PDB file of N, CA and C in Angstrom:
ATOM      1  N   MET A   1      39.831 144.055  60.109  1.00  0.00           N
ATOM      2  CA  MET A   1      38.954 143.571  60.935  1.00  0.00           C
ATOM      3  C   MET A   1      39.047 144.556  61.531  1.00  0.00           C
ATOM      4  N   SER A   2      37.593 145.235  61.875  1.00  0.00           N
ATOM      5  CA  SER A   2      37.416 146.869  62.551  1.00  0.00           C
ATOM      6  C   SER A   2      36.831 146.375  64.116  1.00  0.00           C
ATOM      7  N   ASN A   3      37.072 147.407  64.989  1.00  0.00           N
ATOM      8  CA  ASN A   3      36.914 147.041  66.305  1.00  0.00           C
ATOM      9  C   ASN A   3      35.932 148.032  66.646  1.00  0.00           C
ATOM     10  N   PRO A   4      34.696 147.534  67.137  1.00  0.00           N
ATOM     11  CA  PRO A   4      33.457 148.921  67.476  1.00  0.00           C
ATOM     12  C   PRO A   4      33.818 149.700  68.517  1.00  0.00           C
ATOM     13  N   THR A   5      33.388 150.685  68.332  1.00  0.00           N
ATOM     14  CA  THR A   5      33.868 151.948  69.710  1.00  0.00           C
ATOM     15  C   THR A   5      33.722 151.383  70.727  1.00  0.00           C
ATOM     16  N   GLY A   6      32.951 150.433  71.176  1.00  0.00           N
ATOM     17  CA  GLY A   6      32.714 150.367  72.391  1.00  0.00           C
ATOM     18  C   GLY A   6      33.920 149.045  73.185  1.00  0.00           C
ATOM     19  N   GLU A   7      34.307 148.400  72.024  1.00  0.00           N
ATOM     20  CA  GLU A   7      35.390 147.609  72.313  1.00  0.00           C
ATOM     21  C   GLU A   7      36.748 148.421  72.319  1.00  0.00           C
ATOM     22  N   ASN A   8      37.015 149.581  71.780  1.00  0.00           N
ATOM     23  CA  ASN A   8      38.025 150.496  72.117  1.00  0.00           C
ATOM     24  C   ASN A   8      37.682 150.939  73.327  1.00  0.00           C
ATOM     25  N   ASP A   9      36.689 151.585  73.600  1.00  0.00           N
ATOM     26  CA  ASP A   9      36.054 151.867  75.104  1.00  0.00           C
ATOM     27  C   ASP A   9      36.548 151.283  76.380  1.00  0.00           C
ATOM     28  N   SER A  10      36.437 149.908  75.962  1.00  0.00           N
ATOM     29  CA  SER A  10      36.582 148.891  77.130  1.00  0.00           C
ATOM     30  C   SER A  10      38.116 148.963  77.440  1.00  0.00           C
ATOM     31  N   LEU A  11      38.851 148.373  76.145  1.00  0.00           N
ATOM     32  CA  LEU A  11      40.474 148.574  76.242  1.00  0.00           C
ATOM     33  C   LEU A  11      40.848 149.878  77.065  1.00  0.00           C
ATOM     34  N   ARG A  12      40.476 150.924  77.089  1.00  0.00           N
ATOM     35  CA  ARG A  12      40.411 152.294  77.358  1.00  0.00           C
ATOM     36  C   ARG A  12      40.339 152.221  78.906  1.00  0.00           C
ATOM     37  N   GLU A  13      39.183 151.786  79.558  1.00  0.00           N
ATOM     38  CA  GLU A  13      38.948 151.646  80.631  1.00  0.00           C
ATOM     39  C   GLU A  13      40.021 150.541  81.177  1.00  0.00           C
ATOM     40  N   LEU A  14      39.987 149.322  80.608  1.00  0.00           N
ATOM     41  CA  LEU A  14      41.113 148.285  81.083  1.00  0.00           C
ATOM     42  C   LEU A  14      42.307 148.724  81.253  1.00  0.00           C
ATOM     43  N   GLU A  15      42.928 149.914  80.565  1.00  0.00           N
ATOM     44  CA  GLU A  15      44.013 150.254  80.517  1.00  0.00           C
ATOM     45  C   GLU A  15      44.267 151.434  81.636  1.00  0.00           C
ATOM     46  N   ILE A  16      43.209 152.055  82.011  1.00  0.00           N
ATOM     47  CA  ILE A  16      43.464 152.955  83.248  1.00  0.00           C
ATOM     48  C   ILE A  16      43.516 151.920  84.312  1.00  0.00           C
ATOM     49  N   GLU A  17      42.395 151.102  84.492  1.00  0.00           N
ATOM     50  CA  GLU A  17      42.689 150.343  85.995  1.00  0.00           C
ATOM     51  C   GLU A  17      43.966 149.749  86.226  1.00  0.00           C
ATOM     52  N   VAL A  18      44.679 149.023  85.048  1.00  0.00           N
ATOM     53  CA  VAL A  18      46.191 148.646  85.064  1.00  0.00           C
ATOM     54  C   VAL A  18      46.893 149.357  85.212  1.00  0.00           C
ATOM     55  N   GLU A  19      47.087 150.880  84.849  1.00  0.00           N
ATOM     56  CA  GLU A  19      48.002 151.760  85.225  1.00  0.00           C
ATOM     57  C   GLU A  19      47.939 152.154  86.855  1.00  0.00           C
ATOM     58  N   ALA A  20      46.517 151.811  87.321  1.00  0.00           N
ATOM     59  CA  ALA A  20      46.502 152.292  88.302  1.00  0.00           C
ATOM     60  C   ALA A  20      46.881 151.386  89.174  1.00  0.00           C
ATOM     61  N   ASP A  21      46.701 150.094  88.983  1.00  0.00           N
ATOM     62  CA  ASP A  21      47.013 148.885  89.870  1.00  0.00           C
ATOM     63  C   ASP A  21      48.782 148.997  89.851  1.00  0.00           C
ATOM     64  N   LEU A  22      49.139 149.298  88.541  1.00  0.00           N
ATOM     65  CA  LEU A  22      50.758 149.253  88.330  1.00  0.00           C
ATOM     66  C   LEU A  22      51.321 150.240  89.256  1.00  0.00           C
ATOM     67  N   ASN A  23      50.671 151.624  89.411  1.00  0.00           N
ATOM     68  CA  ASN A  23      50.945 152.674  90.292  1.00  0.00           C
ATOM     69  C   ASN A  23      50.914 152.210  91.734  1.00  0.00           C
ATOM     70  N   LEU A  24      50.167 151.348  92.083  1.00  0.00           N
ATOM     71  CA  LEU A  24      50.025 151.374  93.527  1.00  0.00           C
ATOM     72  C   LEU A  24      50.793 150.102  93.784  1.00  0.00           C
ATOM     73  N   ALA A  25      51.362 149.038  92.992  1.00  0.00           N
ATOM     74  CA  ALA A  25      52.503 148.460  93.170  1.00  0.00           C
ATOM     75  C   ALA A  25      53.634 148.919  93.197  1.00  0.00           C
ATOM     76  N   GLU A  26      53.847 149.727  92.451  1.00  0.00           N
ATOM     77  CA  GLU A  26      55.165 150.640  92.377  1.00  0.00           C
ATOM     78  C   GLU A  26      55.376 151.341  93.277  1.00  0.00           C
ATOM     79  N   SER A  27      54.659 151.800  94.031  1.00  0.00           N
ATOM     80  CA  SER A  27      54.380 152.912  95.397  1.00  0.00           C
ATOM     81  C   SER A  27      54.623 152.054  97.014  1.00  0.00           C
ATOM     82  N   SER A  28      54.274 150.346  96.445  1.00  0.00           N
ATOM     83  CA  SER A  28      54.347 149.787  97.908  1.00  0.00           C
ATOM     84  C   SER A  28      55.482 149.432  98.489  1.00  0.00           C
ATOM     85  N   ARG A  29      56.650 150.064  97.992  1.00  0.00           N
ATOM     86  CA  ARG A  29      57.845 150.148  98.379  1.00  0.00           C
ATOM     87  C   ARG A  29      58.400 148.696  99.163  1.00  0.00           C
ATOM     88  N   PRO A  30      58.514 147.760  98.748  1.00  0.00           N
ATOM     89  CA  PRO A  30      58.684 146.479  99.098  1.00  0.00           C
ATOM     90  C   PRO A  30      60.380 146.452  99.661  1.00  0.00           C
ATOM     91  N   GLU A  31      61.077 147.215  99.304  1.00  0.00           N
ATOM     92  CA  GLU A  31      62.866 147.268  99.940  1.00  0.00           C
ATOM     93  C   GLU A  31      62.635 147.745 101.594  1.00  0.00           C
ATOM     94  N   GLU A  32      61.777 148.592 101.654  1.00  0.00           N
ATOM     95  CA  GLU A  32      61.605 148.630 103.176  1.00  0.00           C
ATOM     96  C   GLU A  32      61.381 147.519 104.096  1.00  0.00           C
ATOM     97  N   LEU A  33      60.927 146.518 103.645  1.00  0.00           N
ATOM     98  CA  LEU A  33      60.773 145.106 104.369  1.00  0.00           C
ATOM     99  C   LEU A  33      62.273 144.487 104.663  1.00  0.00           C
ATOM    100  N   ILE A  34      63.184 144.536 103.824  1.00  0.00           N
ATOM    101  CA  ILE A  34      64.118 144.484 104.061  1.00  0.00           C
ATOM    102  C   ILE A  34      64.874 144.862 105.381  1.00  0.00           C
ATOM    103  N   GLY A  35      65.362 143.339 106.080  1.00  0.00           N
ATOM    104  CA  GLY A  35      65.635 143.400 107.781  1.00  0.00           C
ATOM    105  C   GLY A  35      64.295 143.286 108.752  1.00  0.00           C
ATOM    106  N   LEU A  36      63.376 143.299 108.161  1.00  0.00           N
ATOM    107  CA  LEU A  36      62.194 143.058 109.238  1.00  0.00           C
ATOM    108  C   LEU A  36      62.178 141.532 109.096  1.00  0.00           C
ATOM    109  N   PRO A  37      61.225 140.800 110.217  1.00  0.00           N
ATOM    110  CA  PRO A  37      61.230 139.532 110.263  1.00  0.00           C
ATOM    111  C   PRO A  37      59.865 139.363 109.418  1.00  0.00           C
ATOM    112  N   SER A  38      59.901 138.343 108.530  1.00  0.00           N
ATOM    113  CA  SER A  38      58.603 138.187 107.839  1.00  0.00           C
ATOM    114  C   SER A  38      57.147 138.064 108.352  1.00  0.00           C
ATOM    115  N   ALA A  39      56.977 137.752 109.365  1.00  0.00           N
ATOM    116  CA  ALA A  39      56.176 138.001 110.319  1.00  0.00           C
ATOM    117  C   ALA A  39      55.609 139.723 110.474  1.00  0.00           C
ATOM    118  N   GLU A  40      56.422 140.036 110.518  1.00  0.00           N
ATOM    119  CA  GLU A  40      55.802 141.552 110.120  1.00  0.00           C
ATOM    120  C   GLU A  40      55.561 142.220 108.841  1.00  0.00           C
ATOM    121  N   TRP A  41      55.853 141.660 107.906  1.00  0.00           N
ATOM    122  CA  TRP A  41      55.617 141.913 106.572  1.00  0.00           C
ATOM    123  C   TRP A  41      53.896 142.076 106.419  1.00  0.00           C
ATOM    124  N   LEU A  42      53.342 143.116 105.688  1.00  0.00           N
ATOM    125  CA  LEU A  42      51.930 143.123 105.524  1.00  0.00           C
ATOM    126  C   LEU A  42      51.634 142.393 104.069  1.00  0.00           C
ATOM    127  N   PHE A  43      52.795 142.232 103.202  1.00  0.00           N
ATOM    128  CA  PHE A  43      52.902 141.426 101.811  1.00  0.00           C
ATOM    129  C   PHE A  43      54.091 140.970 101.749  1.00  0.00           C
ATOM    130  N   ASP A  44      54.576 139.837 100.833  1.00  0.00           N
ATOM    131  CA  ASP A  44      55.306 139.344 100.433  1.00  0.00           C
ATOM    132  C   ASP A  44      56.304 140.195  99.267  1.00  0.00           C
ATOM    133  N   PRO A  45      57.164 140.705  99.525  1.00  0.00           N
ATOM    134  CA  PRO A  45      58.051 141.600  98.170  1.00  0.00           C
ATOM    135  C   PRO A  45      57.766 140.582  96.944  1.00  0.00           C
ATOM    136  N   MET A  46      58.243 139.595  96.680  1.00  0.00           N
ATOM    137  CA  MET A  46      58.002 138.662  95.745  1.00  0.00           C
ATOM    138  C   MET A  46      56.678 138.687  95.275  1.00  0.00           C
ATOM    139  N   ASP A  47      55.624 138.323  96.030  1.00  0.00           N
ATOM    140  CA  ASP A  47      54.489 138.789  95.406  1.00  0.00           C
ATOM    141  C   ASP A  47      54.097 140.133  94.545  1.00  0.00           C
ATOM    142  N   VAL A  48      54.753 141.121  95.151  1.00  0.00           N
ATOM    143  CA  VAL A  48      54.919 142.555  94.530  1.00  0.00           C
ATOM    144  C   VAL A  48      55.427 142.087  93.404  1.00  0.00           C
ATOM    145  N   GLN A  49      56.787 141.847  93.050  1.00  0.00           N
ATOM    146  CA  GLN A  49      57.302 142.026  91.868  1.00  0.00           C
ATOM    147  C   GLN A  49      56.468 141.348  90.998  1.00  0.00           C
ATOM    148  N   ARG A  50      56.147 139.959  91.249  1.00  0.00           N
ATOM    149  CA  ARG A  50      55.400 139.146  90.331  1.00  0.00           C
ATOM    150  C   ARG A  50      54.128 139.995  89.742  1.00  0.00           C
ATOM    151  N   GLU A  51      53.640 140.328  90.880  1.00  0.00           N
ATOM    152  CA  GLU A  51      52.300 141.285  90.314  1.00  0.00           C
ATOM    153  C   GLU A  51      52.411 142.803  89.156  1.00  0.00           C
ATOM    154  N   GLU A  52      53.888 143.071  89.513  1.00  0.00           N
ATOM    155  CA  GLU A  52      54.133 144.442  88.836  1.00  0.00           C
ATOM    156  C   GLU A  52      54.240 143.839  87.260  1.00  0.00           C
ATOM    157  N   VAL A  53      55.394 142.599  87.066  1.00  0.00           N
ATOM    158  CA  VAL A  53      55.920 142.175  85.840  1.00  0.00           C
ATOM    159  C   VAL A  53      54.205 141.588  85.205  1.00  0.00           C
ATOM    160  N   GLY A  54      53.236 141.169  85.869  1.00  0.00           N
ATOM    161  CA  GLY A  54      52.123 140.666  85.530  1.00  0.00           C
ATOM    162  C   GLY A  54      51.740 141.903  84.911  1.00  0.00           C
ATOM    163  N   LEU A  55      51.099 142.910  85.415  1.00  0.00           N
ATOM    164  CA  LEU A  55      50.735 144.094  85.261  1.00  0.00           C
ATOM    165  C   LEU A  55      51.116 144.574  84.056  1.00  0.00           C
ATOM    166  N   ARG A  56      52.712 144.846  83.889  1.00  0.00           N
ATOM    167  CA  ARG A  56      53.311 145.357  82.795  1.00  0.00           C
ATOM    168  C   ARG A  56      52.993 144.582  81.535  1.00  0.00           C
ATOM    169  N   SER A  57      53.122 143.323  81.793  1.00  0.00           N
ATOM    170  CA  SER A  57      52.566 142.564  80.321  1.00  0.00           C
ATOM    171  C   SER A  57      51.638 142.512  80.277  1.00  0.00           C
ATOM    172  N   LEU A  58      50.480 142.619  80.956  1.00  0.00           N
ATOM    173  CA  LEU A  58      48.815 143.022  80.719  1.00  0.00           C
ATOM    174  C   LEU A  58      48.786 144.479  80.147  1.00  0.00           C
ATOM    175  N   LEU A  59      49.691 145.737  80.245  1.00  0.00           N
ATOM    176  CA  LEU A  59      49.383 146.741  79.721  1.00  0.00           C
ATOM    177  C   LEU A  59      50.249 146.792  78.102  1.00  0.00           C
ATOM    178  N   GLY A  60      50.985 146.105  78.248  1.00  0.00           N
ATOM    179  CA  GLY A  60      51.812 146.216  76.886  1.00  0.00           C
ATOM    180  C   GLY A  60      50.761 145.548  75.947  1.00  0.00           C
ATOM    181  N   ALA A  61      50.141 144.092  75.971  1.00  0.00           N
ATOM    182  CA  ALA A  61      49.139 143.556  75.324  1.00  0.00           C
ATOM    183  C   ALA A  61      47.997 144.545  75.068  1.00  0.00           C
ATOM    184  N   ILE A  62      47.746 145.391  76.056  1.00  0.00           N
ATOM    185  CA  ILE A  62      46.306 146.062  76.015  1.00  0.00           C
ATOM    186  C   ILE A  62      46.781 147.053  74.772  1.00  0.00           C
ATOM    187  N   GLU A  63      47.935 147.984  75.013  1.00  0.00           N
ATOM    188  CA  GLU A  63      48.738 148.725  73.806  1.00  0.00           C
ATOM    189  C   GLU A  63      48.884 148.368  72.621  1.00  0.00           C
ATOM    190  N   GLU A  64      49.270 146.992  72.536  1.00  0.00           N
ATOM    191  CA  GLU A  64      49.402 146.550  71.310  1.00  0.00           C
ATOM    192  C   GLU A  64      47.814 146.118  70.843  1.00  0.00           C
ATOM    193  N   MET A  65      47.363 145.800  71.537  1.00  0.00           N
ATOM    194  CA  MET A  65      45.648 145.787  70.948  1.00  0.00           C
ATOM    195  C   MET A  65      44.988 147.214  70.617  1.00  0.00           C
ATOM    196  N   GLU A  66      45.485 148.156  71.021  1.00  0.00           N
ATOM    197  CA  GLU A  66      44.773 149.877  71.093  1.00  0.00           C
ATOM    198  C   GLU A  66      45.747 149.904  69.152  1.00  0.00           C
ATOM    199  N   GLY A  67      46.723 149.628  69.496  1.00  0.00           N
ATOM    200  CA  GLY A  67      47.229 149.881  68.122  1.00  0.00           C
ATOM    201  C   GLY A  67      47.221 149.571  67.267  1.00  0.00           C
ATOM    202  N   ASP A  68      46.679 148.101  67.112  1.00  0.00           N
ATOM    203  CA  ASP A  68      46.040 147.384  65.979  1.00  0.00           C
ATOM    204  C   ASP A  68      44.606 148.019  65.806  1.00  0.00           C
ATOM    205  N   SER A  69      43.831 148.188  66.599  1.00  0.00           N
ATOM    206  CA  SER A  69      42.773 149.106  66.096  1.00  0.00           C
ATOM    207  C   SER A  69      42.794 149.989  65.366  1.00  0.00           C
ATOM    208  N   ARG A  70      43.604 151.198  65.864  1.00  0.00           N
ATOM    209  CA  ARG A  70      44.120 152.049  65.045  1.00  0.00           C
ATOM    210  C   ARG A  70      44.447 151.919  63.682  1.00  0.00           C
ATOM    211  N   ASP A  71      45.311 150.969  64.007  1.00  0.00           N
ATOM    212  CA  ASP A  71      46.128 150.621  62.362  1.00  0.00           C
ATOM    213  C   ASP A  71      44.348 149.949  61.530  1.00  0.00           C
ATOM    214  N   ASP A  72      43.744 149.226  61.870  1.00  0.00           N
ATOM    215  CA  ASP A  72      42.382 148.545  61.204  1.00  0.00           C
ATOM    216  C   ASP A  72      41.628 150.065  61.056  1.00  0.00           C
ATOM    217  N   ARG A  73      41.463 151.465  61.647  1.00  0.00           N
ATOM    218  CA  ARG A  73      40.770 152.092  61.412  1.00  0.00           C
ATOM    219  C   ARG A  73      41.408 153.031  60.101  1.00  0.00           C
ATOM    220  N   THR A  74      42.585 153.161  59.949  1.00  0.00           N
ATOM    221  CA  THR A  74      43.478 154.095  59.231  1.00  0.00           C
ATOM    222  C   THR A  74      43.713 153.269  58.021  1.00  0.00           C
ATOM    223  N   SER A  75      43.646 152.313  57.803  1.00  0.00           N
ATOM    224  CA  SER A  75      43.673 151.322  56.597  1.00  0.00           C
ATOM    225  C   SER A  75      42.160 150.931  55.839  1.00  0.00           C
ATOM    226  N   GLY A  76      41.276 151.390  56.488  1.00  0.00           N
ATOM    227  CA  GLY A  76      39.692 151.291  56.047  1.00  0.00           C
ATOM    228  C   GLY A  76      39.373 150.269  56.099  1.00  0.00           C
ATOM    229  N   SER A  77      39.922 149.103  56.844  1.00  0.00           N
ATOM    230  CA  SER A  77      39.337 147.681  57.000  1.00  0.00           C
ATOM    231  C   SER A  77      38.289 147.821  57.921  1.00  0.00           C
TER     232      SER A  77
END
């Protein structure tokens, strides 16, 4: 089963957006909130960790789909 070029482009665009979001989540420094009263937090550190895990899972799925797409093109399907 082959993927049209538009689908590959869409996957690449999604990958770029997910990587940008992941960089943002990684740079948020939730460890700096330790010791501050929760009322002063701009965000919940656990939410940041959950978001990062979700983004890493999504990025892995995108990379797997891109790999399958490359395999389809090289096998002549």
